[in-house]
Amino acid sequence: MYIARSSQAVLPLLAATGIHVRAVAFDEAHLVMEWGSGFRPLYPLLAPLIDLLPGTPQRLLFSATITPGARH
């Protein structure tokens, strides 16, 4: 299932239904690492919502152009 960042309100709904979400992916991770959460202000707000989901979904960070400094 793909949920765009603009529809983060669906995460509590998924938690309430008990649907098992195995992973939550974040794109453009290198920009958040380099510029801080100001680049995607909603990203820090997603952590408590992800914690509502049953089990422990993996958090996956993706980037097509990560810099060596942000890689670690």
N, C-alpha and C. Protein backbone atom coordinates (compact mmCIF):
# COMPACT_ATOMS: atom_id res chain seq x y z
N MET A 1 0.85 -1.18 0.00
CA MET A 1 0.00 0.00 0.00
C MET A 1 0.89 1.23 0.00
N TYR A 2 0.57 2.18 -0.82
CA TYR A 2 1.31 3.44 -0.88
C TYR A 2 0.42 4.55 -0.32
N ILE A 3 0.98 5.33 0.59
CA ILE A 3 0.28 6.48 1.15
C ILE A 3 1.17 7.69 0.97
N ALA A 4 0.70 8.68 0.28
CA ALA A 4 1.49 9.89 0.07
C ALA A 4 1.58 10.68 1.36
N ARG A 5 2.62 11.48 1.48
CA ARG A 5 2.81 12.26 2.71
C ARG A 5 1.65 13.22 2.96
N SER A 6 0.94 13.58 1.91
CA SER A 6 -0.19 14.49 2.08
C SER A 6 -1.41 13.79 2.68
N SER A 7 -1.35 12.47 2.77
CA SER A 7 -2.48 11.73 3.34
C SER A 7 -2.09 11.00 4.62
N GLN A 8 -1.25 11.63 5.45
CA GLN A 8 -0.78 10.99 6.67
C GLN A 8 -1.91 10.71 7.66
N ALA A 9 -3.06 11.33 7.47
CA ALA A 9 -4.19 11.10 8.37
C ALA A 9 -4.68 9.66 8.30
N VAL A 10 -4.30 8.93 7.29
CA VAL A 10 -4.76 7.55 7.15
C VAL A 10 -4.04 6.62 8.14
N LEU A 11 -2.88 7.00 8.68
CA LEU A 11 -2.15 6.13 9.59
C LEU A 11 -2.95 5.78 10.85
N PRO A 12 -3.58 6.76 11.53
CA PRO A 12 -4.41 6.37 12.68
C PRO A 12 -5.58 5.47 12.28
N LEU A 13 -6.12 5.67 11.09
CA LEU A 13 -7.20 4.81 10.63
C LEU A 13 -6.71 3.37 10.43
N LEU A 14 -5.52 3.23 9.88
CA LEU A 14 -4.95 1.89 9.72
C LEU A 14 -4.72 1.24 11.08
N ALA A 15 -4.24 2.03 12.05
CA ALA A 15 -4.02 1.50 13.40
C ALA A 15 -5.33 1.02 14.01
N ALA A 16 -6.39 1.79 13.83
CA ALA A 16 -7.68 1.44 14.41
C ALA A 16 -8.26 0.17 13.79
N THR A 17 -7.95 -0.09 12.53
CA THR A 17 -8.48 -1.28 11.88
C THR A 17 -7.66 -2.52 12.19
N GLY A 18 -6.44 -2.32 12.70
CA GLY A 18 -5.58 -3.46 13.00
C GLY A 18 -4.85 -4.01 11.79
N ILE A 19 -4.92 -3.31 10.68
CA ILE A 19 -4.19 -3.75 9.48
C ILE A 19 -2.70 -3.74 9.77
N HIS A 20 -2.04 -4.82 9.43
CA HIS A 20 -0.61 -4.94 9.71
C HIS A 20 0.18 -4.25 8.59
N VAL A 21 0.91 -3.23 8.95
CA VAL A 21 1.78 -2.51 8.02
C VAL A 21 3.20 -2.93 8.33
N ARG A 22 3.88 -3.49 7.36
CA ARG A 22 5.22 -4.01 7.60
C ARG A 22 6.31 -2.95 7.54
N ALA A 23 6.08 -1.91 6.74
CA ALA A 23 7.12 -0.90 6.56
C ALA A 23 6.50 0.43 6.16
N VAL A 24 7.18 1.50 6.55
CA VAL A 24 6.82 2.86 6.15
C VAL A 24 8.06 3.44 5.49
N ALA A 25 7.92 3.90 4.25
CA ALA A 25 9.06 4.39 3.48
C ALA A 25 9.01 5.91 3.37
N PHE A 26 10.19 6.50 3.44
CA PHE A 26 10.34 7.94 3.28
C PHE A 26 11.28 8.19 2.11
N ASP A 27 10.82 9.00 1.17
CA ASP A 27 11.65 9.37 0.03
C ASP A 27 12.32 10.70 0.31
N GLU A 28 13.33 11.01 -0.46
CA GLU A 28 14.07 12.26 -0.32
C GLU A 28 14.75 12.37 1.04
N ALA A 29 15.16 11.24 1.58
CA ALA A 29 15.75 11.20 2.91
C ALA A 29 17.03 12.04 3.01
N HIS A 30 17.78 12.12 1.93
CA HIS A 30 19.03 12.88 1.98
C HIS A 30 18.76 14.36 2.25
N LEU A 31 17.65 14.87 1.76
CA LEU A 31 17.35 16.29 1.99
C LEU A 31 16.96 16.55 3.44
N VAL A 32 16.26 15.63 4.04
CA VAL A 32 15.93 15.77 5.46
C VAL A 32 17.20 15.69 6.29
N MET A 33 18.11 14.77 5.91
CA MET A 33 19.37 14.63 6.65
C MET A 33 20.22 15.90 6.54
N GLU A 34 20.23 16.52 5.38
CA GLU A 34 21.07 17.69 5.15
C GLU A 34 20.41 18.99 5.61
N TRP A 35 19.12 19.13 5.40
CA TRP A 35 18.44 20.40 5.66
C TRP A 35 17.60 20.38 6.93
N GLY A 36 17.48 19.23 7.55
CA GLY A 36 16.67 19.13 8.77
C GLY A 36 15.20 18.95 8.45
N SER A 37 14.41 18.85 9.48
CA SER A 37 12.99 18.56 9.29
C SER A 37 12.22 19.71 8.67
N GLY A 38 12.84 20.88 8.54
CA GLY A 38 12.18 22.00 7.88
C GLY A 38 11.86 21.70 6.42
N PHE A 39 12.62 20.77 5.82
CA PHE A 39 12.36 20.41 4.43
C PHE A 39 11.02 19.70 4.29
N ARG A 40 10.72 18.80 5.20
CA ARG A 40 9.44 18.09 5.23
C ARG A 40 8.91 18.16 6.66
N PRO A 41 8.26 19.26 7.02
CA PRO A 41 7.82 19.45 8.41
C PRO A 41 6.89 18.36 8.93
N LEU A 42 6.22 17.64 8.04
CA LEU A 42 5.33 16.58 8.49
C LEU A 42 6.07 15.32 8.93
N TYR A 43 7.28 15.11 8.44
CA TYR A 43 7.99 13.87 8.75
C TYR A 43 8.13 13.63 10.26
N PRO A 44 8.57 14.61 11.07
CA PRO A 44 8.66 14.34 12.51
C PRO A 44 7.30 14.03 13.15
N LEU A 45 6.25 14.55 12.58
CA LEU A 45 4.91 14.30 13.12
C LEU A 45 4.42 12.89 12.81
N LEU A 46 5.05 12.23 11.87
CA LEU A 46 4.62 10.88 11.49
C LEU A 46 5.07 9.82 12.49
N ALA A 47 6.16 10.04 13.20
CA ALA A 47 6.69 9.02 14.11
C ALA A 47 5.65 8.56 15.13
N PRO A 48 4.96 9.47 15.85
CA PRO A 48 3.96 8.99 16.79
C PRO A 48 2.80 8.27 16.12
N LEU A 49 2.48 8.65 14.89
CA LEU A 49 1.41 7.98 14.16
C LEU A 49 1.84 6.57 13.76
N ILE A 50 3.09 6.43 13.34
CA ILE A 50 3.61 5.11 12.98
C ILE A 50 3.63 4.21 14.21
N ASP A 51 3.93 4.78 15.37
CA ASP A 51 3.96 4.00 16.60
C ASP A 51 2.58 3.46 16.98
N LEU A 52 1.52 4.04 16.45
CA LEU A 52 0.17 3.54 16.72
C LEU A 52 -0.13 2.25 15.96
N LEU A 53 0.63 1.99 14.91
CA LEU A 53 0.37 0.82 14.07
C LEU A 53 0.72 -0.46 14.82
N PRO A 54 -0.05 -1.53 14.58
CA PRO A 54 0.26 -2.81 15.23
C PRO A 54 1.63 -3.32 14.82
N GLY A 55 2.30 -4.00 15.72
CA GLY A 55 3.63 -4.51 15.43
C GLY A 55 4.64 -3.38 15.45
N THR A 56 5.73 -3.59 14.82
CA THR A 56 6.77 -2.57 14.73
C THR A 56 7.16 -2.40 13.27
N PRO A 57 6.46 -1.52 12.53
CA PRO A 57 6.80 -1.34 11.12
C PRO A 57 8.23 -0.81 10.96
N GLN A 58 8.93 -1.34 9.99
CA GLN A 58 10.24 -0.81 9.66
C GLN A 58 10.08 0.58 9.09
N ARG A 59 11.04 1.43 9.36
CA ARG A 59 11.09 2.75 8.75
C ARG A 59 12.22 2.72 7.72
N LEU A 60 11.87 2.90 6.47
CA LEU A 60 12.83 2.83 5.38
C LEU A 60 13.06 4.22 4.81
N LEU A 61 14.32 4.58 4.65
CA LEU A 61 14.68 5.88 4.10
C LEU A 61 15.29 5.66 2.72
N PHE A 62 14.75 6.36 1.73
CA PHE A 62 15.22 6.22 0.36
C PHE A 62 15.75 7.55 -0.17
N SER A 63 16.76 7.44 -1.01
CA SER A 63 17.32 8.62 -1.65
C SER A 63 18.03 8.19 -2.92
N ALA A 64 17.83 8.92 -3.98
CA ALA A 64 18.51 8.63 -5.23
C ALA A 64 19.87 9.30 -5.29
N THR A 65 20.08 10.33 -4.47
CA THR A 65 21.32 11.12 -4.57
C THR A 65 21.87 11.44 -3.19
N ILE A 66 22.05 10.44 -2.35
CA ILE A 66 22.55 10.69 -1.00
C ILE A 66 24.03 11.04 -1.03
N THR A 67 24.42 11.96 -0.19
CA THR A 67 25.82 12.35 -0.09
C THR A 67 26.54 11.41 0.89
N PRO A 68 27.86 11.30 0.79
CA PRO A 68 28.58 10.42 1.71
C PRO A 68 28.36 10.81 3.18
N GLY A 69 28.25 12.09 3.49
CA GLY A 69 28.05 12.53 4.87
C GLY A 69 26.70 12.11 5.43
N ALA A 70 25.68 12.12 4.60
CA ALA A 70 24.34 11.76 5.05
C ALA A 70 24.15 10.25 5.10
N ARG A 71 25.02 9.52 4.46
CA ARG A 71 24.90 8.06 4.39
C ARG A 71 25.10 7.42 5.75
N HIS A 72 25.86 8.07 6.61
CA HIS A 72 26.14 7.49 7.93
C HIS A 72 25.42 8.30 8.93
